[in-house]
Amino acid sequence: MKEKDEIITVRVKKSKAKAFRKMLKLFDFIKLESPEEKINRYIRTAPKDVPLSDNDIMDLIKT
């Protein structure tokens, strides 16, 4: 059975981000995910049968 990944979010100062990414790439068990990949994963795994209409969603946003 394949072991599941755990997703961890880390905040790093912008000035240190490039060096931090470079360091993380040294570890073969870490996968860095781009913002686009994160959005695509969310879309792929999001529930498909949501019991809300577009109007329901707009009402929630407006409140």
Protein backbone atom coordinates (compact mmCIF):
# COMPACT_ATOMS: atom_id res chain seq x y z
CA MET A 1 0.00 0.00 0.00
CA LYS A 2 1.34 3.41 -0.99
CA GLU A 3 1.91 5.82 1.87
CA LYS A 4 -0.12 9.04 1.63
CA ASP A 5 1.56 12.42 1.49
CA GLU A 6 0.95 14.97 4.21
CA ILE A 7 0.53 18.52 2.96
CA ILE A 8 2.33 21.12 5.06
CA THR A 9 2.10 24.86 4.50
CA VAL A 10 5.11 26.96 5.44
CA ARG A 11 5.47 30.73 5.40
CA VAL A 12 8.91 32.15 4.62
CA LYS A 13 10.09 35.73 4.23
CA LYS A 14 10.12 36.64 0.54
CA SER A 15 13.82 37.52 0.69
CA LYS A 16 14.64 33.98 1.92
CA ALA A 17 12.19 32.00 -0.27
CA LYS A 18 14.61 31.23 -3.11
CA ALA A 19 17.25 29.85 -0.74
CA PHE A 20 14.61 27.89 1.17
CA ARG A 21 13.27 26.27 -2.03
CA LYS A 22 16.83 25.40 -3.08
CA MET A 23 17.45 23.72 0.28
CA LEU A 24 14.17 21.77 0.13
CA LYS A 25 15.01 20.40 -3.31
CA LEU A 26 17.96 18.58 -1.70
CA PHE A 27 15.49 16.24 0.00
CA ASP A 28 14.10 13.57 -2.34
CA PHE A 29 10.99 13.09 -0.18
CA ILE A 30 9.76 16.70 -0.51
CA LYS A 31 7.64 17.84 -3.44
CA LEU A 32 7.26 21.57 -3.93
CA GLU A 33 3.89 22.50 -5.34
CA SER A 34 3.33 25.58 -7.50
CA PRO A 35 0.23 27.70 -6.92
CA GLU A 36 -1.21 26.35 -10.19
CA GLU A 37 -0.65 22.75 -9.06
CA LYS A 38 -2.31 23.54 -5.74
CA ILE A 39 -5.38 24.99 -7.49
CA ASN A 40 -5.55 22.02 -9.89
CA ARG A 41 -5.36 19.58 -6.96
CA TYR A 42 -8.16 21.44 -5.21
CA ILE A 43 -10.34 21.37 -8.34
CA ARG A 44 -9.61 17.67 -8.91
CA THR A 45 -10.52 16.69 -5.32
CA ALA A 46 -13.37 19.15 -4.67
CA PRO A 47 -16.85 17.69 -4.12
CA LYS A 48 -18.80 17.39 -7.35
CA ASP A 49 -22.39 17.29 -6.02
CA VAL A 50 -22.59 20.47 -3.96
CA PRO A 51 -26.20 21.17 -2.97
CA LEU A 52 -25.89 24.93 -3.62
CA SER A 53 -27.03 26.90 -6.62
CA ASP A 54 -25.10 29.83 -8.08
CA ASN A 55 -27.63 32.15 -6.41
CA ASP A 56 -27.04 30.48 -3.04
CA ILE A 57 -23.32 31.03 -3.41
CA MET A 58 -23.78 34.68 -4.43
CA ASP A 59 -26.04 35.24 -1.41
CA LEU A 60 -23.34 33.82 0.88
CA ILE A 61 -20.65 35.99 -0.71
CA LYS A 62 -22.74 39.16 -0.41
CA THR A 63 -23.45 38.70 3.31
